[in-house]
């Protein structure tokens, strides 16, 4: 075997080693993109600690607890979310046990009294936005905080800001199914039907139970 052949073999081995090393590095980076359910649960709990009346965070935490088999804990979160006016929480409680929402008038009264704790909707939204700004500043990788802040911005008619927050949540957590659905609904408001349908299809691919309804209505 001559020198040229040896150099050629050494070069091939070097390329293989570099290729394997790069693939391992990329694989590790890809693994880091996705947060565990427990990590998301911790982020939601922190959001609720900052704003105990955040029905969206309570609803999301309830869903994760239900997936983790913590049904009793999830029901508590869904009940609180329902009492704060979350309609999605009401639907889940109906599926678990219709008796959980039997006392509708009581829940409506609790919701009304909760809303009266702040002077008006604008004050509530401003306070909540400030809370999520602090949370995001302290932890810029908190995808849940971006989703919740996006919801508040949408309520506040800041549709562009809401779109940016939903997109940031997806950038941080690529399989964030709820963020895809909400961004799709927002894109409909912004008359971006093509973009909305793309998000709805992604939400369906990731298993969101409501995605099919939006696809059938707007994307056929």
Protein backbone atom coordinates (compact mmCIF):
# COMPACT_ATOMS: atom_id res chain seq x y z
CA UNK A 1 0.00 0.00 0.00
CA UNK A 2 1.56 3.27 -1.09
CA UNK A 3 1.52 6.69 0.61
CA UNK A 4 -1.30 8.04 -1.57
CA UNK A 5 -3.58 5.14 -0.61
CA UNK A 6 -2.78 5.59 3.08
CA UNK A 7 -3.60 9.29 2.89
CA UNK A 8 -6.84 8.49 1.07
CA UNK A 9 -7.89 5.93 3.72
CA UNK A 10 -6.97 8.32 6.53
CA UNK A 11 -9.06 11.04 4.90
CA UNK A 12 -12.09 8.73 4.61
CA UNK A 13 -11.76 7.74 8.29
CA UNK A 14 -11.50 11.42 9.26
CA UNK A 15 -14.66 12.27 7.30
CA UNK A 16 -16.56 9.37 8.92
CA UNK A 17 -15.48 10.46 12.41
CA UNK A 18 -16.56 14.07 11.73
CA UNK A 19 -19.90 12.87 10.31
CA UNK A 20 -20.64 10.66 13.34
CA UNK A 21 -19.63 13.41 15.78
CA UNK A 22 -21.81 15.99 14.06
CA UNK A 23 -24.79 13.64 14.01
CA UNK A 24 -24.42 12.96 17.73
CA UNK A 25 -24.26 16.69 18.45
CA UNK A 26 -27.30 17.44 16.31
CA UNK A 27 -29.21 14.59 17.92
CA UNK A 28 -28.45 15.94 21.39
CA UNK A 29 -29.56 19.43 20.35
CA UNK A 30 -32.75 18.01 18.88
CA UNK A 31 -33.42 16.17 22.13
CA UNK A 32 -33.12 19.42 24.07
CA UNK A 33 -35.79 21.12 21.96
CA UNK A 34 -38.60 19.18 23.58
CA UNK A 35 -39.58 19.74 27.18
CA UNK A 36 -40.96 16.97 29.36
CA UNK A 37 -44.50 17.09 30.70
CA UNK A 38 -43.07 17.65 34.18
CA UNK A 39 -41.08 20.69 32.98
CA UNK A 40 -44.17 22.21 31.37
CA UNK A 41 -46.11 21.42 34.55
CA UNK A 42 -43.54 23.34 36.59
CA UNK A 43 -43.78 26.33 34.22
CA UNK A 44 -47.57 26.35 34.45
CA UNK A 45 -47.44 26.12 38.25
CA UNK A 46 -45.13 29.14 38.31
CA UNK A 47 -47.51 31.04 36.03
CA UNK A 48 -50.42 30.21 38.35
CA UNK A 49 -48.38 31.26 41.38
CA UNK A 50 -47.83 34.64 39.74
CA UNK A 51 -51.48 34.93 38.72
CA UNK A 52 -53.82 32.53 40.60
CA UNK A 53 -56.76 33.70 38.47
CA UNK A 54 -55.16 32.63 35.20
CA UNK A 55 -57.82 30.19 33.98
CA UNK A 56 -55.82 29.37 30.84
CA UNK A 57 -52.83 28.15 32.85
CA UNK A 58 -55.13 26.19 35.19
CA UNK A 59 -56.79 24.55 32.20
CA UNK A 60 -53.45 23.63 30.59
CA UNK A 61 -52.09 22.26 33.88
CA UNK A 62 -55.25 20.22 34.35
CA UNK A 63 -54.81 18.65 30.90
CA UNK A 64 -51.22 17.63 31.65
CA UNK A 65 -52.15 16.21 35.06
CA UNK A 66 -54.89 14.19 33.37
CA UNK A 67 -52.36 12.78 30.88
CA UNK A 68 -50.06 11.88 33.78
CA UNK A 69 -52.86 9.95 35.48
CA UNK A 70 -53.40 12.53 38.24
CA UNK A 71 -57.16 12.75 37.74
CA UNK A 72 -58.09 14.13 41.17
CA UNK A 73 -55.54 16.94 40.86
CA UNK A 74 -56.59 17.65 37.28
CA UNK A 75 -60.26 17.94 38.31
CA UNK A 76 -59.30 20.58 40.89
CA UNK A 77 -57.57 22.62 38.19
CA UNK A 78 -60.44 22.20 35.73
CA UNK A 79 -62.95 23.24 38.41
CA UNK A 80 -60.99 26.39 39.22
CA UNK A 81 -60.62 27.18 35.52
CA UNK A 82 -64.35 26.65 34.99
CA UNK A 83 -65.19 28.89 37.95
CA UNK A 84 -63.04 31.56 36.31
CA UNK A 85 -65.03 31.24 33.09
CA UNK A 86 -63.02 28.74 31.03
CA UNK A 87 -65.46 26.95 28.68
CA UNK A 88 -62.95 24.30 27.59
CA UNK A 89 -62.54 23.22 31.22
CA UNK A 90 -66.31 22.88 31.46
CA UNK A 91 -66.35 20.49 28.47
CA UNK A 92 -63.67 18.27 29.99
CA UNK A 93 -65.45 18.18 33.35
CA UNK A 94 -68.65 17.11 31.55
CA UNK A 95 -66.79 14.20 29.96
CA UNK A 96 -65.21 13.12 33.27
CA UNK A 97 -68.41 13.42 35.30
CA UNK A 98 -71.44 15.64 34.47
CA UNK A 99 -72.13 16.07 38.19
CA UNK A 100 -68.94 18.10 38.49
CA UNK A 101 -70.63 21.07 36.78
CA UNK A 102 -74.17 20.51 38.07
CA UNK A 103 -74.20 23.63 40.24
CA UNK A 104 -73.92 25.99 37.30
CA UNK A 105 -75.40 29.02 39.08
CA UNK A 106 -72.81 28.81 41.86
CA UNK A 107 -69.98 28.71 39.35
CA UNK A 108 -71.42 31.66 37.44
CA UNK A 109 -71.67 33.67 40.66
CA UNK A 110 -68.08 32.81 41.54
CA UNK A 111 -66.98 33.86 38.08
CA UNK A 112 -68.79 37.18 38.41
CA UNK A 113 -67.29 37.91 41.84
CA UNK A 114 -63.83 37.05 40.53
CA UNK A 115 -64.18 39.50 37.67
CA UNK A 116 -65.26 42.20 40.13
CA UNK A 117 -62.01 41.80 42.08
CA UNK A 118 -60.39 44.07 39.49
CA UNK A 119 -61.80 47.44 38.50
CA UNK A 120 -62.33 46.42 34.87
CA UNK A 121 -61.15 44.10 32.12
CA UNK A 122 -58.41 46.47 30.98
CA UNK A 123 -56.82 46.59 34.43
CA UNK A 124 -56.93 42.81 34.67
CA UNK A 125 -55.30 42.36 31.27
CA UNK A 126 -52.61 44.97 31.98
CA UNK A 127 -51.73 43.37 35.31
CA UNK A 128 -51.61 39.91 33.79
CA UNK A 129 -49.48 41.09 30.88
CA UNK A 130 -47.04 42.67 33.32
CA UNK A 131 -46.86 39.39 35.26
CA UNK A 132 -46.07 37.40 32.12
CA UNK A 133 -43.52 39.99 30.99
CA UNK A 134 -41.66 39.42 34.26
CA UNK A 135 -41.94 35.66 33.91
CA UNK A 136 -40.61 35.69 30.34
CA UNK A 137 -37.76 38.05 31.27
CA UNK A 138 -36.71 35.67 34.03
CA UNK A 139 -37.12 32.57 31.84
CA UNK A 140 -37.11 33.32 28.08
CA UNK A 141 -37.55 29.62 27.23
CA UNK A 142 -40.93 29.37 28.96
CA UNK A 143 -43.16 28.38 26.05
CA UNK A 144 -46.29 28.30 28.23
CA UNK A 145 -45.76 31.91 29.31
CA UNK A 146 -45.56 33.01 25.68
CA UNK A 147 -48.79 31.16 24.90
CA UNK A 148 -50.61 32.73 27.84
CA UNK A 149 -49.28 36.20 27.07
CA UNK A 150 -50.37 35.74 23.48
CA UNK A 151 -53.90 34.98 24.66
CA UNK A 152 -53.93 38.16 26.72
CA UNK A 153 -52.63 40.22 23.81
CA UNK A 154 -55.39 38.81 21.63
CA UNK A 155 -57.97 39.78 24.25
CA UNK A 156 -56.40 43.23 24.26
CA UNK A 157 -56.75 43.41 20.44
CA UNK A 158 -52.98 43.30 19.94
CA UNK A 159 -53.27 40.63 17.23
CA UNK A 160 -49.77 41.16 15.84
CA UNK A 161 -48.25 40.82 19.31
CA UNK A 162 -50.34 37.72 19.97
CA UNK A 163 -49.18 36.15 16.70
CA UNK A 164 -45.54 36.79 17.61
CA UNK A 165 -46.01 35.20 21.05
CA UNK A 166 -47.76 32.10 19.67
CA UNK A 167 -44.98 31.73 17.11
CA UNK A 168 -42.33 32.10 19.82
CA UNK A 169 -44.04 29.40 21.89
CA UNK A 170 -43.85 27.06 18.87
CA UNK A 171 -40.23 28.02 18.21
CA UNK A 172 -39.34 27.00 21.77
CA UNK A 173 -41.50 23.85 21.75
CA UNK A 174 -41.93 22.49 18.25
CA UNK A 175 -44.70 20.06 19.19
CA UNK A 176 -46.79 22.56 21.17
CA UNK A 177 -50.16 21.45 19.84
CA UNK A 178 -52.25 24.08 21.67
CA UNK A 179 -50.08 26.89 20.28
CA UNK A 180 -50.63 25.64 16.72
CA UNK A 181 -54.40 25.62 17.16
CA UNK A 182 -54.54 29.07 18.75
CA UNK A 183 -52.22 30.54 16.14
CA UNK A 184 -54.42 29.02 13.43
CA UNK A 185 -57.53 30.62 14.91
CA UNK A 186 -55.73 33.95 15.15
CA UNK A 187 -54.59 33.72 11.53
CA UNK A 188 -58.24 33.34 10.53
CA UNK A 189 -58.92 36.68 12.22
CA UNK A 190 -56.02 38.14 10.26
CA UNK A 191 -57.53 36.72 7.03
CA UNK A 192 -54.58 34.37 6.52
CA UNK A 193 -56.66 31.30 5.69
CA UNK A 194 -53.76 29.40 4.10
CA UNK A 195 -51.56 29.91 7.15
CA UNK A 196 -54.44 29.04 9.46
CA UNK A 197 -55.13 25.76 7.68
CA UNK A 198 -51.44 24.87 7.82
CA UNK A 199 -51.52 25.33 11.60
CA UNK A 200 -54.79 23.41 11.99
CA UNK A 201 -53.33 20.49 10.04
CA UNK A 202 -50.23 20.52 12.23
CA UNK A 203 -52.43 20.56 15.33
CA UNK A 204 -54.36 17.58 13.92
CA UNK A 205 -51.09 15.76 13.22
CA UNK A 206 -50.07 16.33 16.84
CA UNK A 207 -53.43 15.03 18.10
CA UNK A 208 -55.48 18.09 19.06
CA UNK A 209 -59.13 16.95 19.43
CA UNK A 210 -60.59 20.21 18.08
CA UNK A 211 -58.36 20.55 15.00
CA UNK A 212 -60.57 18.45 12.71
CA UNK A 213 -63.55 20.72 13.38
CA UNK A 214 -61.65 23.79 12.14
CA UNK A 215 -60.22 21.95 9.13
CA UNK A 216 -63.68 20.76 8.06
CA UNK A 217 -65.13 24.25 8.48
CA UNK A 218 -62.39 26.41 6.95
CA UNK A 219 -59.96 24.27 4.97
CA UNK A 220 -62.09 22.07 2.68
